[in-house]
PDB file of N, CA and C in Angstrom:
ATOM      1  N   MET A   1     -77.972  63.476  21.792  1.00  0.00           N
ATOM      2  CA  MET A   1     -79.068  62.830  21.090  1.00  0.00           C
ATOM      3  C   MET A   1     -80.156  63.871  20.869  1.00  0.00           C
ATOM      4  N   ASP A   2     -80.622  63.996  19.615  1.00  0.00           N
ATOM      5  CA  ASP A   2     -81.639  64.998  19.342  1.00  0.00           C
ATOM      6  C   ASP A   2     -83.038  64.423  19.546  1.00  0.00           C
ATOM      7  N   ALA A   3     -84.038  65.301  19.459  1.00  0.00           N
ATOM      8  CA  ALA A   3     -85.414  64.913  19.741  1.00  0.00           C
ATOM      9  C   ALA A   3     -85.988  63.958  18.696  1.00  0.00           C
ATOM     10  N   SER A   4     -85.381  63.909  17.510  1.00  0.00           N
ATOM     11  CA  SER A   4     -85.922  63.048  16.461  1.00  0.00           C
ATOM     12  C   SER A   4     -85.389  61.612  16.533  1.00  0.00           C
ATOM     13  N   PHE A   5     -84.565  61.320  17.526  1.00  0.00           N
ATOM     14  CA  PHE A   5     -84.008  59.973  17.681  1.00  0.00           C
ATOM     15  C   PHE A   5     -85.130  59.030  18.125  1.00  0.00           C
ATOM     16  N   PRO A   6     -85.501  58.069  17.281  1.00  0.00           N
ATOM     17  CA  PRO A   6     -86.641  57.211  17.620  1.00  0.00           C
ATOM     18  C   PRO A   6     -86.307  56.196  18.716  1.00  0.00           C
ATOM     19  N   PRO A   7     -87.157  56.091  19.709  1.00  0.00           N
ATOM     20  CA  PRO A   7     -86.911  55.127  20.790  1.00  0.00           C
ATOM     21  C   PRO A   7     -87.023  53.675  20.321  1.00  0.00           C
ATOM     22  N   THR A   8     -87.671  53.445  19.203  1.00  0.00           N
ATOM     23  CA  THR A   8     -87.820  52.072  18.711  1.00  0.00           C
ATOM     24  C   THR A   8     -86.492  51.453  18.289  1.00  0.00           C
ATOM     25  N   ILE A   9     -85.501  52.284  18.004  1.00  0.00           N
ATOM     26  CA  ILE A   9     -84.195  51.762  17.577  1.00  0.00           C
ATOM     27  C   ILE A   9     -83.550  50.924  18.681  1.00  0.00           C
ATOM     28  N   TYR A  10     -83.853  51.233  19.924  1.00  0.00           N
ATOM     29  CA  TYR A  10     -83.264  50.479  21.029  1.00  0.00           C
ATOM     30  C   TYR A  10     -83.673  49.002  21.005  1.00  0.00           C
ATOM     31  N   LEU A  11     -84.765  48.691  20.337  1.00  0.00           N
ATOM     32  CA  LEU A  11     -85.228  47.307  20.269  1.00  0.00           C
ATOM     33  C   LEU A  11     -84.637  46.530  19.093  1.00  0.00           C
ATOM     34  N   ALA A  12     -83.915  47.202  18.211  1.00  0.00           N
ATOM     35  CA  ALA A  12     -83.367  46.543  17.019  1.00  0.00           C
ATOM     36  C   ALA A  12     -82.489  45.325  17.348  1.00  0.00           C
ATOM     37  N   PRO A  13     -81.586  45.386  18.336  1.00  0.00           N
ATOM     38  CA  PRO A  13     -80.788  44.186  18.646  1.00  0.00           C
ATOM     39  C   PRO A  13     -81.647  42.994  19.086  1.00  0.00           C
ATOM     40  N   LEU A  14     -82.740  43.274  19.769  1.00  0.00           N
ATOM     41  CA  LEU A  14     -83.650  42.205  20.176  1.00  0.00           C
ATOM     42  C   LEU A  14     -84.254  41.515  18.950  1.00  0.00           C
ATOM     43  N   PHE A  15     -84.601  42.294  17.941  1.00  0.00           N
ATOM     44  CA  PHE A  15     -85.187  41.712  16.736  1.00  0.00           C
ATOM     45  C   PHE A  15     -84.148  40.986  15.888  1.00  0.00           C
ATOM     46  N   ILE A  16     -82.896  41.399  15.960  1.00  0.00           N
ATOM     47  CA  ILE A  16     -81.829  40.635  15.294  1.00  0.00           C
ATOM     48  C   ILE A  16     -81.727  39.253  15.939  1.00  0.00           C
ATOM     49  N   ALA A  17     -81.759  39.215  17.260  1.00  0.00           N
ATOM     50  CA  ALA A  17     -81.707  37.933  17.969  1.00  0.00           C
ATOM     51  C   ALA A  17     -82.923  37.075  17.623  1.00  0.00           C
ATOM     52  N   PHE A  18     -84.093  37.692  17.567  1.00  0.00           N
ATOM     53  CA  PHE A  18     -85.304  36.942  17.215  1.00  0.00           C
ATOM     54  C   PHE A  18     -85.189  36.336  15.820  1.00  0.00           C
ATOM     55  N   GLU A  19     -84.678  37.093  14.866  1.00  0.00           N
ATOM     56  CA  GLU A  19     -84.520  36.577  13.501  1.00  0.00           C
ATOM     57  C   GLU A  19     -83.594  35.357  13.492  1.00  0.00           C
ATOM     58  N   ALA A  20     -82.511  35.430  14.250  1.00  0.00           N
ATOM     59  CA  ALA A  20     -81.569  34.307  14.304  1.00  0.00           C
ATOM     60  C   ALA A  20     -82.225  33.074  14.935  1.00  0.00           C
ATOM     61  N   VAL A  21     -82.934  33.274  16.036  1.00  0.00           N
ATOM     62  CA  VAL A  21     -83.615  32.154  16.700  1.00  0.00           C
ATOM     63  C   VAL A  21     -84.702  31.583  15.789  1.00  0.00           C
ATOM     64  N   GLN A  22     -85.401  32.461  15.093  1.00  0.00           N
ATOM     65  CA  GLN A  22     -86.449  32.008  14.183  1.00  0.00           C
ATOM     66  C   GLN A  22     -85.878  31.098  13.097  1.00  0.00           C
ATOM     67  N   LEU A  23     -84.688  31.411  12.598  1.00  0.00           N
ATOM     68  CA  LEU A  23     -84.063  30.551  11.588  1.00  0.00           C
ATOM     69  C   LEU A  23     -83.706  29.182  12.153  1.00  0.00           C
ATOM     70  N   VAL A  24     -83.252  29.147  13.400  1.00  0.00           N
ATOM     71  CA  VAL A  24     -82.915  27.867  14.034  1.00  0.00           C
ATOM     72  C   VAL A  24     -84.175  27.015  14.200  1.00  0.00           C
ATOM     73  N   VAL A  25     -85.251  27.628  14.684  1.00  0.00           N
ATOM     74  CA  VAL A  25     -86.509  26.895  14.867  1.00  0.00           C
ATOM     75  C   VAL A  25     -87.062  26.448  13.516  1.00  0.00           C
ATOM     76  N   ALA A  26     -86.993  27.315  12.517  1.00  0.00           N
ATOM     77  CA  ALA A  26     -87.490  26.962  11.185  1.00  0.00           C
ATOM     78  C   ALA A  26     -86.699  25.801  10.597  1.00  0.00           C
ATOM     79  N   GLU A  27     -85.395  25.770  10.836  1.00  0.00           N
ATOM     80  CA  GLU A  27     -84.573  24.659  10.340  1.00  0.00           C
ATOM     81  C   GLU A  27     -85.037  23.346  10.960  1.00  0.00           C
ATOM     82  N   ARG A  28     -85.408  23.389  12.217  1.00  0.00           N
ATOM     83  CA  ARG A  28     -85.859  22.170  12.892  1.00  0.00           C
ATOM     84  C   ARG A  28     -87.155  21.651  12.276  1.00  0.00           C
ATOM     85  N   TYR A  29     -88.059  22.555  11.932  1.00  0.00           N
ATOM     86  CA  TYR A  29     -89.366  22.144  11.431  1.00  0.00           C
ATOM     87  C   TYR A  29     -89.466  22.085   9.910  1.00  0.00           C
ATOM     88  N   LEU A  30     -88.608  22.798   9.205  1.00  0.00           N
ATOM     89  CA  LEU A  30     -88.723  22.876   7.742  1.00  0.00           C
ATOM     90  C   LEU A  30     -87.448  22.480   7.022  1.00  0.00           C
ATOM     91  N   GLY A  31     -86.463  21.968   7.748  1.00  0.00           N
ATOM     92  CA  GLY A  31     -85.145  21.703   7.185  1.00  0.00           C
ATOM     93  C   GLY A  31     -85.082  20.533   6.223  1.00  0.00           C
ATOM     94  N   ALA A  32     -83.866  20.264   5.763  1.00  0.00           N
ATOM     95  CA  ALA A  32     -83.620  19.239   4.747  1.00  0.00           C
ATOM     96  C   ALA A  32     -84.069  17.853   5.206  1.00  0.00           C
ATOM     97  N   GLN A  33     -83.863  17.526   6.485  1.00  0.00           N
ATOM     98  CA  GLN A  33     -84.260  16.202   6.976  1.00  0.00           C
ATOM     99  C   GLN A  33     -85.769  16.002   6.855  1.00  0.00           C
ATOM    100  N   GLN A  34     -86.536  17.029   7.161  1.00  0.00           N
ATOM    101  CA  GLN A  34     -87.989  16.916   7.074  1.00  0.00           C
ATOM    102  C   GLN A  34     -88.438  16.822   5.613  1.00  0.00           C
ATOM    103  N   VAL A  35     -87.777  17.561   4.728  1.00  0.00           N
ATOM    104  CA  VAL A  35     -88.128  17.513   3.302  1.00  0.00           C
ATOM    105  C   VAL A  35     -87.820  16.130   2.743  1.00  0.00           C
ATOM    106  N   GLU A  36     -86.639  15.583   3.086  1.00  0.00           N
ATOM    107  CA  GLU A  36     -86.239  14.268   2.582  1.00  0.00           C
ATOM    108  C   GLU A  36     -87.143  13.158   3.101  1.00  0.00           C
ATOM    109  N   SER A  37     -87.564  13.269   4.356  1.00  0.00           N
ATOM    110  CA  SER A  37     -88.403  12.216   4.930  1.00  0.00           C
ATOM    111  C   SER A  37     -89.876  12.391   4.580  1.00  0.00           C
ATOM    112  N   GLY A  38     -90.235  13.519   3.985  1.00  0.00           N
ATOM    113  CA  GLY A  38     -91.624  13.744   3.588  1.00  0.00           C
ATOM    114  C   GLY A  38     -92.548  14.085   4.739  1.00  0.00           C
ATOM    115  N   VAL A  39     -91.979  14.497   5.867  1.00  0.00           N
ATOM    116  CA  VAL A  39     -92.783  14.843   7.038  1.00  0.00           C
ATOM    117  C   VAL A  39     -93.422  16.213   6.823  1.00  0.00           C
ATOM    118  N   ASP A  40     -94.715  16.289   7.101  1.00  0.00           N
ATOM    119  CA  ASP A  40     -95.416  17.570   7.021  1.00  0.00           C
ATOM    120  C   ASP A  40     -95.170  18.316   8.333  1.00  0.00           C
ATOM    121  N   PRO A  41     -94.573  19.512   8.280  1.00  0.00           N
ATOM    122  CA  PRO A  41     -94.250  20.234   9.512  1.00  0.00           C
ATOM    123  C   PRO A  41     -95.474  20.570  10.363  1.00  0.00           C
ATOM    124  N   ARG A  42     -96.642  20.633   9.735  1.00  0.00           N
ATOM    125  CA  ARG A  42     -97.857  20.929  10.504  1.00  0.00           C
ATOM    126  C   ARG A  42     -98.259  19.764  11.385  1.00  0.00           C
ATOM    127  N   GLU A  43     -97.744  18.567  11.089  1.00  0.00           N
ATOM    128  CA  GLU A  43     -98.054  17.389  11.886  1.00  0.00           C
ATOM    129  C   GLU A  43     -96.997  17.112  12.950  1.00  0.00           C
ATOM    130  N   MET A  44     -95.912  17.868  12.940  1.00  0.00           N
ATOM    131  CA  MET A  44     -94.855  17.677  13.935  1.00  0.00           C
ATOM    132  C   MET A  44     -95.280  18.315  15.251  1.00  0.00           C
ATOM    133  N   PRO A  45     -94.890  17.702  16.364  1.00  0.00           N
ATOM    134  CA  PRO A  45     -95.258  18.296  17.653  1.00  0.00           C
ATOM    135  C   PRO A  45     -94.483  19.587  17.912  1.00  0.00           C
ATOM    136  N   MET A  46     -95.183  20.572  18.440  1.00  0.00           N
ATOM    137  CA  MET A  46     -94.554  21.831  18.838  1.00  0.00           C
ATOM    138  C   MET A  46     -95.180  22.219  20.171  1.00  0.00           C
ATOM    139  N   SER A  47     -94.327  22.521  21.134  1.00  0.00           N
ATOM    140  CA  SER A  47     -94.861  22.894  22.441  1.00  0.00           C
ATOM    141  C   SER A  47     -95.646  24.197  22.336  1.00  0.00           C
ATOM    142  N   GLU A  48     -96.599  24.350  23.233  1.00  0.00           N
ATOM    143  CA  GLU A  48     -97.400  25.579  23.233  1.00  0.00           C
ATOM    144  C   GLU A  48     -96.522  26.796  23.463  1.00  0.00           C
ATOM    145  N   PHE A  49     -95.517  26.644  24.318  1.00  0.00           N
ATOM    146  CA  PHE A  49     -94.625  27.769  24.602  1.00  0.00           C
ATOM    147  C   PHE A  49     -93.882  28.205  23.343  1.00  0.00           C
ATOM    148  N   THR A  50     -93.363  27.232  22.582  1.00  0.00           N
ATOM    149  CA  THR A  50     -92.642  27.561  21.348  1.00  0.00           C
ATOM    150  C   THR A  50     -93.568  28.229  20.342  1.00  0.00           C
ATOM    151  N   ALA A  51     -94.757  27.667  20.163  1.00  0.00           N
ATOM    152  CA  ALA A  51     -95.715  28.241  19.215  1.00  0.00           C
ATOM    153  C   ALA A  51     -96.123  29.650  19.643  1.00  0.00           C
ATOM    154  N   PHE A  52     -96.376  29.825  20.934  1.00  0.00           N
ATOM    155  CA  PHE A  52     -96.769  31.139  21.453  1.00  0.00           C
ATOM    156  C   PHE A  52     -95.645  32.154  21.277  1.00  0.00           C
ATOM    157  N   THR A  53     -94.430  31.762  21.654  1.00  0.00           N
ATOM    158  CA  THR A  53     -93.287  32.670  21.555  1.00  0.00           C
ATOM    159  C   THR A  53     -93.019  33.056  20.105  1.00  0.00           C
ATOM    160  N   TRP A  54     -93.079  32.104  19.210  1.00  0.00           N
ATOM    161  CA  TRP A  54     -92.845  32.357  17.797  1.00  0.00           C
ATOM    162  C   TRP A  54     -93.913  33.312  17.250  1.00  0.00           C
ATOM    163  N   SER A  55     -95.174  33.038  17.572  1.00  0.00           N
ATOM    164  CA  SER A  55     -96.270  33.892  17.091  1.00  0.00           C
ATOM    165  C   SER A  55     -96.176  35.304  17.647  1.00  0.00           C
ATOM    166  N   VAL A  56     -95.917  35.421  18.939  1.00  0.00           N
ATOM    167  CA  VAL A  56     -95.801  36.745  19.559  1.00  0.00           C
ATOM    168  C   VAL A  56     -94.607  37.496  18.978  1.00  0.00           C
ATOM    169  N   GLY A  57     -93.509  36.797  18.746  1.00  0.00           N
ATOM    170  CA  GLY A  57     -92.335  37.440  18.148  1.00  0.00           C
ATOM    171  C   GLY A  57     -92.630  38.013  16.776  1.00  0.00           C
ATOM    172  N   ILE A  58     -93.356  37.264  15.967  1.00  0.00           N
ATOM    173  CA  ILE A  58     -93.713  37.746  14.627  1.00  0.00           C
ATOM    174  C   ILE A  58     -94.651  38.945  14.725  1.00  0.00           C
ATOM    175  N   ILE A  59     -95.642  38.867  15.596  1.00  0.00           N
ATOM    176  CA  ILE A  59     -96.586  39.984  15.769  1.00  0.00           C
ATOM    177  C   ILE A  59     -95.863  41.224  16.274  1.00  0.00           C
ATOM    178  N   LEU A  60     -94.981  41.057  17.259  1.00  0.00           N
ATOM    179  CA  LEU A  60     -94.237  42.203  17.788  1.00  0.00           C
ATOM    180  C   LEU A  60     -93.298  42.802  16.742  1.00  0.00           C
ATOM    181  N   THR A  61     -92.711  41.954  15.904  1.00  0.00           N
ATOM    182  CA  THR A  61     -91.841  42.460  14.838  1.00  0.00           C
ATOM    183  C   THR A  61     -92.631  43.339  13.879  1.00  0.00           C
ATOM    184  N   TRP A  62     -93.793  42.869  13.458  1.00  0.00           N
ATOM    185  CA  TRP A  62     -94.633  43.664  12.556  1.00  0.00           C
ATOM    186  C   TRP A  62     -95.100  44.947  13.232  1.00  0.00           C
ATOM    187  N   LEU A  63     -95.511  44.869  14.481  1.00  0.00           N
ATOM    188  CA  LEU A  63     -95.942  46.063  15.216  1.00  0.00           C
ATOM    189  C   LEU A  63     -94.798  47.062  15.327  1.00  0.00           C
ATOM    190  N   TRP A  64     -93.600  46.567  15.643  1.00  0.00           N
ATOM    191  CA  TRP A  64     -92.421  47.428  15.745  1.00  0.00           C
ATOM    192  C   TRP A  64     -92.126  48.105  14.413  1.00  0.00           C
ATOM    193  N   MET A  65     -92.210  47.337  13.309  1.00  0.00           N
ATOM    194  CA  MET A  65     -91.937  47.932  11.997  1.00  0.00           C
ATOM    195  C   MET A  65     -92.959  49.016  11.667  1.00  0.00           C
ATOM    196  N   LEU A  66     -94.225  48.768  11.953  1.00  0.00           N
ATOM    197  CA  LEU A  66     -95.256  49.766  11.655  1.00  0.00           C
ATOM    198  C   LEU A  66     -95.083  51.022  12.505  1.00  0.00           C
ATOM    199  N   ILE A  67     -94.748  50.857  13.779  1.00  0.00           N
ATOM    200  CA  ILE A  67     -94.506  52.018  14.645  1.00  0.00           C
ATOM    201  C   ILE A  67     -93.262  52.768  14.178  1.00  0.00           C
ATOM    202  N   SER A  68     -92.247  52.040  13.738  1.00  0.00           N
ATOM    203  CA  SER A  68     -91.003  52.674  13.287  1.00  0.00           C
ATOM    204  C   SER A  68     -91.198  53.528  12.041  1.00  0.00           C
ATOM    205  N   LEU A  69     -92.247  53.264  11.290  1.00  0.00           N
ATOM    206  CA  LEU A  69     -92.533  54.087  10.110  1.00  0.00           C
ATOM    207  C   LEU A  69     -92.890  55.526  10.483  1.00  0.00           C
ATOM    208  N   LEU A  70     -93.277  55.743  11.728  1.00  0.00           N
ATOM    209  CA  LEU A  70     -93.657  57.087  12.175  1.00  0.00           C
ATOM    210  C   LEU A  70     -92.459  58.018  12.307  1.00  0.00           C
ATOM    211  N   PHE A  71     -91.255  57.463  12.364  1.00  0.00           N
ATOM    212  CA  PHE A  71     -90.044  58.256  12.563  1.00  0.00           C
ATOM    213  C   PHE A  71     -89.268  58.362  11.255  1.00  0.00           C
ATOM    214  N   ASP A  72     -88.655  59.524  11.030  1.00  0.00           N
ATOM    215  CA  ASP A  72     -87.882  59.732   9.799  1.00  0.00           C
ATOM    216  C   ASP A  72     -86.628  58.859   9.753  1.00  0.00           C
ATOM    217  N   MET A  73     -85.907  58.794  10.878  1.00  0.00           N
ATOM    218  CA  MET A  73     -84.656  58.037  10.900  1.00  0.00           C
ATOM    219  C   MET A  73     -84.940  56.543  10.716  1.00  0.00           C
ATOM    220  N   GLY A  74     -84.364  55.976   9.693  1.00  0.00           N
ATOM    221  CA  GLY A  74     -84.492  54.546   9.464  1.00  0.00           C
ATOM    222  C   GLY A  74     -85.739  54.124   8.708  1.00  0.00           C
ATOM    223  N   ARG A  75     -86.506  55.071   8.221  1.00  0.00           N
ATOM    224  CA  ARG A  75     -87.745  54.717   7.518  1.00  0.00           C
ATOM    225  C   ARG A  75     -87.458  53.865   6.277  1.00  0.00           C
ATOM    226  N   ILE A  76     -86.395  54.170   5.563  1.00  0.00           N
ATOM    227  CA  ILE A  76     -86.060  53.405   4.352  1.00  0.00           C
ATOM    228  C   ILE A  76     -85.761  51.947   4.710  1.00  0.00           C
ATOM    229  N   GLN A  77     -85.016  51.740   5.792  1.00  0.00           N
ATOM    230  CA  GLN A  77     -84.691  50.377   6.215  1.00  0.00           C
ATOM    231  C   GLN A  77     -85.960  49.616   6.609  1.00  0.00           C
ATOM    232  N   VAL A  78     -86.848  50.297   7.309  1.00  0.00           N
ATOM    233  CA  VAL A  78     -88.084  49.642   7.748  1.00  0.00           C
ATOM    234  C   VAL A  78     -88.965  49.299   6.546  1.00  0.00           C
ATOM    235  N   VAL A  79     -89.041  50.190   5.579  1.00  0.00           N
ATOM    236  CA  VAL A  79     -89.815  49.898   4.362  1.00  0.00           C
ATOM    237  C   VAL A  79     -89.219  48.684   3.645  1.00  0.00           C
ATOM    238  N   ALA A  80     -87.900  48.603   3.578  1.00  0.00           N
ATOM    239  CA  ALA A  80     -87.253  47.441   2.952  1.00  0.00           C
ATOM    240  C   ALA A  80     -87.579  46.158   3.716  1.00  0.00           C
ATOM    241  N   MET A  81     -87.609  46.237   5.052  1.00  0.00           N
ATOM    242  CA  MET A  81     -87.963  45.069   5.857  1.00  0.00           C
ATOM    243  C   MET A  81     -89.408  44.648   5.596  1.00  0.00           C
ATOM    244  N   LEU A  82     -90.303  45.611   5.540  1.00  0.00           N
ATOM    245  CA  LEU A  82     -91.708  45.303   5.269  1.00  0.00           C
ATOM    246  C   LEU A  82     -91.876  44.682   3.882  1.00  0.00           C
ATOM    247  N   LEU A  83     -91.200  45.246   2.890  1.00  0.00           N
ATOM    248  CA  LEU A  83     -91.279  44.690   1.533  1.00  0.00           C
ATOM    249  C   LEU A  83     -90.721  43.267   1.478  1.00  0.00           C
ATOM    250  N   ALA A  84     -89.588  43.041   2.138  1.00  0.00           N
ATOM    251  CA  ALA A  84     -89.006  41.693   2.165  1.00  0.00           C
ATOM    252  C   ALA A  84     -89.970  40.706   2.810  1.00  0.00           C
ATOM    253  N   SER A  85     -90.615  41.126   3.883  1.00  0.00           N
ATOM    254  CA  SER A  85     -91.567  40.250   4.570  1.00  0.00           C
ATOM    255  C   SER A  85     -92.780  39.948   3.699  1.00  0.00           C
ATOM    256  N   MET A  86     -93.309  40.968   3.034  1.00  0.00           N
ATOM    257  CA  MET A  86     -94.500  40.769   2.200  1.00  0.00           C
ATOM    258  C   MET A  86     -94.195  39.930   0.963  1.00  0.00           C
ATOM    259  N   VAL A  87     -93.076  40.208   0.306  1.00  0.00           N
ATOM    260  CA  VAL A  87     -92.698  39.420  -0.868  1.00  0.00           C
ATOM    261  C   VAL A  87     -92.396  37.982  -0.449  1.00  0.00           C
ATOM    262  N   GLY A  88     -91.666  37.818   0.653  1.00  0.00           N
ATOM    263  CA  GLY A  88     -91.357  36.480   1.142  1.00  0.00           C
ATOM    264  C   GLY A  88     -92.605  35.692   1.487  1.00  0.00           C
ATOM    265  N   TYR A  89     -93.561  36.355   2.128  1.00  0.00           N
ATOM    266  CA  TYR A  89     -94.812  35.677   2.480  1.00  0.00           C
ATOM    267  C   TYR A  89     -95.545  35.215   1.226  1.00  0.00           C
ATOM    268  N   SER A  90     -95.636  36.097   0.236  1.00  0.00           N
ATOM    269  CA  SER A  90     -96.354  35.713  -0.984  1.00  0.00           C
ATOM    270  C   SER A  90     -95.635  34.574  -1.715  1.00  0.00           C
ATOM    271  N   LEU A  91     -94.311  34.576  -1.701  1.00  0.00           N
ATOM    272  CA  LEU A  91     -93.563  33.474  -2.320  1.00  0.00           C
ATOM    273  C   LEU A  91     -93.755  32.176  -1.545  1.00  0.00           C
ATOM    274  N   ARG A  92     -93.698  32.256  -0.216  1.00  0.00           N
ATOM    275  CA  ARG A  92     -93.852  31.050   0.604  1.00  0.00           C
ATOM    276  C   ARG A  92     -95.232  30.427   0.451  1.00  0.00           C
ATOM    277  N   ARG A  93     -96.252  31.252   0.288  1.00  0.00           N
ATOM    278  CA  ARG A  93     -97.617  30.742   0.138  1.00  0.00           C
ATOM    279  C   ARG A  93     -97.801  29.983  -1.173  1.00  0.00           C
ATOM    280  N   ASN A  94     -96.961  30.248  -2.160  1.00  0.00           N
ATOM    281  CA  ASN A  94     -97.160  29.685  -3.493  1.00  0.00           C
ATOM    282  C   ASN A  94     -96.016  28.794  -3.957  1.00  0.00           C
ATOM    283  N   CYS A  95     -95.212  28.282  -3.041  1.00  0.00           N
ATOM    284  CA  CYS A  95     -94.080  27.451  -3.461  1.00  0.00           C
ATOM    285  C   CYS A  95     -94.187  26.063  -2.847  1.00  0.00           C
ATOM    286  N   ALA A  96     -93.347  25.175  -3.346  1.00  0.00           N
ATOM    287  CA  ALA A  96     -93.261  23.833  -2.773  1.00  0.00           C
ATOM    288  C   ALA A  96     -92.626  23.923  -1.385  1.00  0.00           C
ATOM    289  N   ARG A  97     -92.945  22.951  -0.542  1.00  0.00           N
ATOM    290  CA  ARG A  97     -92.476  22.980   0.845  1.00  0.00           C
ATOM    291  C   ARG A  97     -90.954  23.026   0.948  1.00  0.00           C
ATOM    292  N   LYS A  98     -90.247  22.419  -0.009  1.00  0.00           N
ATOM    293  CA  LYS A  98     -88.783  22.407   0.063  1.00  0.00           C
ATOM    294  C   LYS A  98     -88.179  23.797  -0.132  1.00  0.00           C
ATOM    295  N   TRP A  99     -88.946  24.758  -0.670  1.00  0.00           N
ATOM    296  CA  TRP A  99     -88.437  26.107  -0.900  1.00  0.00           C
ATOM    297  C   TRP A  99     -88.783  27.072   0.231  1.00  0.00           C
ATOM    298  N   VAL A 100     -89.578  26.650   1.189  1.00  0.00           N
ATOM    299  CA  VAL A 100     -90.001  27.556   2.265  1.00  0.00           C
ATOM    300  C   VAL A 100     -88.808  28.025   3.095  1.00  0.00           C
ATOM    301  N   LEU A 101     -87.950  27.111   3.510  1.00  0.00           N
ATOM    302  CA  LEU A 101     -86.804  27.498   4.340  1.00  0.00           C
ATOM    303  C   LEU A 101     -85.825  28.407   3.600  1.00  0.00           C
ATOM    304  N   PRO A 102     -85.458  28.115   2.343  1.00  0.00           N
ATOM    305  CA  PRO A 102     -84.577  29.068   1.644  1.00  0.00           C
ATOM    306  C   PRO A 102     -85.192  30.466   1.493  1.00  0.00           C
ATOM    307  N   ILE A 103     -86.489  30.531   1.259  1.00  0.00           N
ATOM    308  CA  ILE A 103     -87.141  31.838   1.151  1.00  0.00           C
ATOM    309  C   ILE A 103     -87.130  32.542   2.503  1.00  0.00           C
ATOM    310  N   MET A 104     -87.427  31.799   3.575  1.00  0.00           N
ATOM    311  CA  MET A 104     -87.380  32.397   4.923  1.00  0.00           C
ATOM    312  C   MET A 104     -85.977  32.886   5.253  1.00  0.00           C
ATOM    313  N   THR A 105     -84.971  32.126   4.839  1.00  0.00           N
ATOM    314  CA  THR A 105     -83.589  32.529   5.086  1.00  0.00           C
ATOM    315  C   THR A 105     -83.265  33.823   4.346  1.00  0.00           C
ATOM    316  N   GLY A 106     -83.719  33.935   3.110  1.00  0.00           N
ATOM    317  CA  GLY A 106     -83.516  35.174   2.356  1.00  0.00           C
ATOM    318  C   GLY A 106     -84.206  36.359   3.009  1.00  0.00           C
ATOM    319  N   GLU A 107     -85.435  36.147   3.464  1.00  0.00           N
ATOM    320  CA  GLU A 107     -86.159  37.211   4.172  1.00  0.00           C
ATOM    321  C   GLU A 107     -85.396  37.651   5.418  1.00  0.00           C
ATOM    322  N   ALA A 108     -84.972  36.673   6.203  1.00  0.00           N
ATOM    323  CA  ALA A 108     -84.262  36.984   7.448  1.00  0.00           C
ATOM    324  C   ALA A 108     -82.958  37.715   7.163  1.00  0.00           C
ATOM    325  N   THR A 109     -82.284  37.330   6.087  1.00  0.00           N
ATOM    326  CA  THR A 109     -81.038  38.003   5.719  1.00  0.00           C
ATOM    327  C   THR A 109     -81.284  39.476   5.419  1.00  0.00           C
ATOM    328  N   VAL A 110     -82.322  39.761   4.664  1.00  0.00           N
ATOM    329  CA  VAL A 110     -82.651  41.158   4.353  1.00  0.00           C
ATOM    330  C   VAL A 110     -83.029  41.910   5.625  1.00  0.00           C
ATOM    331  N   ARG A 111     -83.866  41.292   6.463  1.00  0.00           N
ATOM    332  CA  ARG A 111     -84.297  41.983   7.691  1.00  0.00           C
ATOM    333  C   ARG A 111     -83.124  42.227   8.636  1.00  0.00           C
ATOM    334  N   ILE A 112     -82.246  41.242   8.803  1.00  0.00           N
ATOM    335  CA  ILE A 112     -81.079  41.434   9.674  1.00  0.00           C
ATOM    336  C   ILE A 112     -80.169  42.510   9.097  1.00  0.00           C
ATOM    337  N   GLY A 113     -79.962  42.490   7.793  1.00  0.00           N
ATOM    338  CA  GLY A 113     -79.144  43.530   7.161  1.00  0.00           C
ATOM    339  C   GLY A 113     -79.726  44.915   7.365  1.00  0.00           C
ATOM    340  N   MET A 114     -81.032  45.042   7.234  1.00  0.00           N
ATOM    341  CA  MET A 114     -81.678  46.344   7.426  1.00  0.00           C
ATOM    342  C   MET A 114     -81.642  46.772   8.892  1.00  0.00           C
ATOM    343  N   LEU A 115     -81.756  45.812   9.800  1.00  0.00           N
ATOM    344  CA  LEU A 115     -81.637  46.142  11.226  1.00  0.00           C
ATOM    345  C   LEU A 115     -80.225  46.622  11.551  1.00  0.00           C
ATOM    346  N   MET A 116     -79.221  45.957  10.973  1.00  0.00           N
ATOM    347  CA  MET A 116     -77.839  46.399  11.184  1.00  0.00           C
ATOM    348  C   MET A 116     -77.626  47.790  10.597  1.00  0.00           C
ATOM    349  N   SER A 117     -78.200  48.041   9.426  1.00  0.00           N
ATOM    350  CA  SER A 117     -78.107  49.364   8.815  1.00  0.00           C
ATOM    351  C   SER A 117     -78.790  50.412   9.686  1.00  0.00           C
ATOM    352  N   LEU A 118     -79.928  50.069  10.245  1.00  0.00           N
ATOM    353  CA  LEU A 118     -80.656  50.979  11.132  1.00  0.00           C
ATOM    354  C   LEU A 118     -79.834  51.314  12.367  1.00  0.00           C
ATOM    355  N   ILE A 119     -79.190  50.315  12.946  1.00  0.00           N
ATOM    356  CA  ILE A 119     -78.334  50.546  14.113  1.00  0.00           C
ATOM    357  C   ILE A 119     -77.155  51.435  13.728  1.00  0.00           C
ATOM    358  N   THR A 120     -76.584  51.213  12.549  1.00  0.00           N
ATOM    359  CA  THR A 120     -75.463  52.036  12.077  1.00  0.00           C
ATOM    360  C   THR A 120     -75.886  53.486  11.889  1.00  0.00           C
ATOM    361  N   VAL A 121     -77.045  53.702  11.279  1.00  0.00           N
ATOM    362  CA  VAL A 121     -77.557  55.066  11.090  1.00  0.00           C
ATOM    363  C   VAL A 121     -77.774  55.736  12.444  1.00  0.00           C
ATOM    364  N   ALA A 122     -78.331  55.004  13.379  1.00  0.00           N
ATOM    365  CA  ALA A 122     -78.565  55.565  14.714  1.00  0.00           C
ATOM    366  C   ALA A 122     -77.240  55.899  15.400  1.00  0.00           C
ATOM    367  N   TRP A 123     -76.268  55.003  15.275  1.00  0.00           N
ATOM    368  CA  TRP A 123     -74.965  55.222  15.900  1.00  0.00           C
ATOM    369  C   TRP A 123     -74.308  56.490  15.360  1.00  0.00           C
ATOM    370  N   ARG A 124     -74.419  56.701  14.062  1.00  0.00           N
ATOM    371  CA  ARG A 124     -73.817  57.890  13.446  1.00  0.00           C
ATOM    372  C   ARG A 124     -74.526  59.177  13.855  1.00  0.00           C
ATOM    373  N   ASN A 125     -75.755  59.084  14.302  1.00  0.00           N
ATOM    374  CA  ASN A 125     -76.515  60.273  14.689  1.00  0.00           C
ATOM    375  C   ASN A 125     -76.490  60.543  16.191  1.00  0.00           C
ATOM    376  N   ILE A 126     -75.716  59.774  16.925  1.00  0.00           N
ATOM    377  CA  ILE A 126     -75.630  60.002  18.380  1.00  0.00           C
ATOM    378  C   ILE A 126     -74.805  61.243  18.633  1.00  0.00           C
TER     379      ILE A 126
END
């Protein structure tokens, strides 16, 4: 392993797991049943632990992506993840509630794909 191998890559599998869990939680609060019943997800009960964990996970993901920009290896993947997140956020802010989950799913797909690509690049450089 050379000196340019970024230590942040070791956290990539953790963020893949977070993305998957985030989709499961989002389905519960934003899924088809809630859209059909007209329930506003902001009025649904959410435990403090779930809200805290979800918020911290999102903050840590963004912090990890910004720190990862400091390293040459995987910078393209991280930029793609940041762009997917920013475009997805802007789309989610301006769409009907029924489109929020499909947009989040698309974002997560891009981020998971880029994380897998980052792991592959790291594996090839070992």
